[in-house]
């Protein structure tokens, strides 16, 4: 059964910060690829409904809320004589 993944305003703001940081430190292409990878990982909840931790603060609600914390690693990027 598919569920709807809802990205909170906080999560969207954090994705924007990640994009803005890597856009300057690496390149717009690297920033876009990184954010797309994070979004793809989060959207795995669509069909894998039991991954992620249950949100205990919302356990009294009839729906089940889950969240993911992901450490997204990238290869070092060589850019303008610096490694990021």
Protein backbone atom coordinates (compact mmCIF):
# COMPACT_ATOMS: atom_id res chain seq x y z
CA UNK A 1 0.00 0.00 0.00
CA UNK A 2 1.40 3.39 -1.00
CA UNK A 3 1.42 6.28 1.42
CA UNK A 4 1.84 9.99 0.86
CA UNK A 5 5.21 11.43 1.86
CA UNK A 6 4.88 14.96 3.19
CA UNK A 7 7.99 17.13 3.38
CA UNK A 8 7.74 19.59 6.26
CA UNK A 9 8.60 23.25 5.81
CA UNK A 10 11.64 22.66 8.02
CA UNK A 11 12.83 19.81 5.79
CA UNK A 12 12.33 21.91 2.66
CA UNK A 13 14.30 24.79 4.21
CA UNK A 14 17.12 22.41 5.11
CA UNK A 15 17.20 21.05 1.55
CA UNK A 16 17.44 24.64 0.31
CA UNK A 17 20.38 25.31 2.67
CA UNK A 18 22.14 22.16 1.45
CA UNK A 19 21.58 23.19 -2.17
CA UNK A 20 22.80 26.75 -1.60
CA UNK A 21 25.92 25.57 0.23
CA UNK A 22 26.98 23.04 -2.40
CA UNK A 23 26.07 25.39 -5.25
CA UNK A 24 28.77 27.77 -3.99
CA UNK A 25 31.29 25.24 -2.64
CA UNK A 26 31.12 22.80 -5.56
CA UNK A 27 28.75 23.59 -8.44
CA UNK A 28 25.04 23.93 -9.21
CA UNK A 29 25.12 20.47 -10.82
CA UNK A 30 26.60 18.87 -7.69
CA UNK A 31 24.08 20.69 -5.49
CA UNK A 32 21.16 19.55 -7.63
CA UNK A 33 22.38 15.95 -7.70
CA UNK A 34 22.85 15.87 -3.94
CA UNK A 35 19.39 17.27 -3.17
CA UNK A 36 17.75 14.95 -5.70
CA UNK A 37 19.45 11.99 -3.98
CA UNK A 38 18.18 13.07 -0.57
CA UNK A 39 14.62 13.53 -1.89
CA UNK A 40 14.75 10.15 -3.62
CA UNK A 41 15.82 8.49 -0.37
CA UNK A 42 13.00 10.19 1.54
CA UNK A 43 10.45 9.19 -1.05
CA UNK A 44 11.26 5.50 -0.49
CA UNK A 45 8.68 5.77 2.27
CA UNK A 46 6.04 5.77 -0.49
CA UNK A 47 6.12 1.98 -0.72
CA UNK A 48 8.38 0.89 2.12
CA UNK A 49 6.02 2.04 4.81
CA UNK A 50 7.84 0.48 7.76
CA UNK A 51 11.23 2.11 7.25
CA UNK A 52 12.11 5.11 9.34
CA UNK A 53 11.46 5.66 13.00
CA UNK A 54 8.01 6.18 14.43
CA UNK A 55 7.40 9.70 15.64
CA UNK A 56 6.55 9.10 19.29
CA UNK A 57 5.30 12.66 19.81
CA UNK A 58 2.49 11.94 17.33
CA UNK A 59 1.66 8.43 18.54
CA UNK A 60 -1.80 9.45 19.80
CA UNK A 61 -2.99 10.28 16.28
CA UNK A 62 -4.85 7.69 14.20
CA UNK A 63 -2.27 7.87 11.39
CA UNK A 64 1.22 6.53 11.80
CA UNK A 65 3.98 9.12 11.40
CA UNK A 66 7.54 8.14 10.55
CA UNK A 67 10.70 10.06 9.82
CA UNK A 68 14.09 9.42 8.27
CA UNK A 69 17.45 10.79 9.21
CA UNK A 70 19.92 10.23 6.46
CA UNK A 71 23.63 10.83 6.31
CA UNK A 72 24.12 11.43 2.64
CA UNK A 73 27.73 11.03 1.61
CA UNK A 74 29.26 12.22 -1.61
CA UNK A 75 32.66 11.74 -3.13
CA UNK A 76 35.07 14.65 -2.65
CA UNK A 77 34.69 17.21 -5.41
CA UNK A 78 37.72 18.86 -6.98
CA UNK A 79 36.84 22.46 -7.77
CA UNK A 80 39.13 25.47 -8.29
CA UNK A 81 42.19 23.90 -6.67
CA UNK A 82 40.23 22.93 -3.53
CA UNK A 83 38.67 19.69 -2.36
CA UNK A 84 35.22 19.74 -0.76
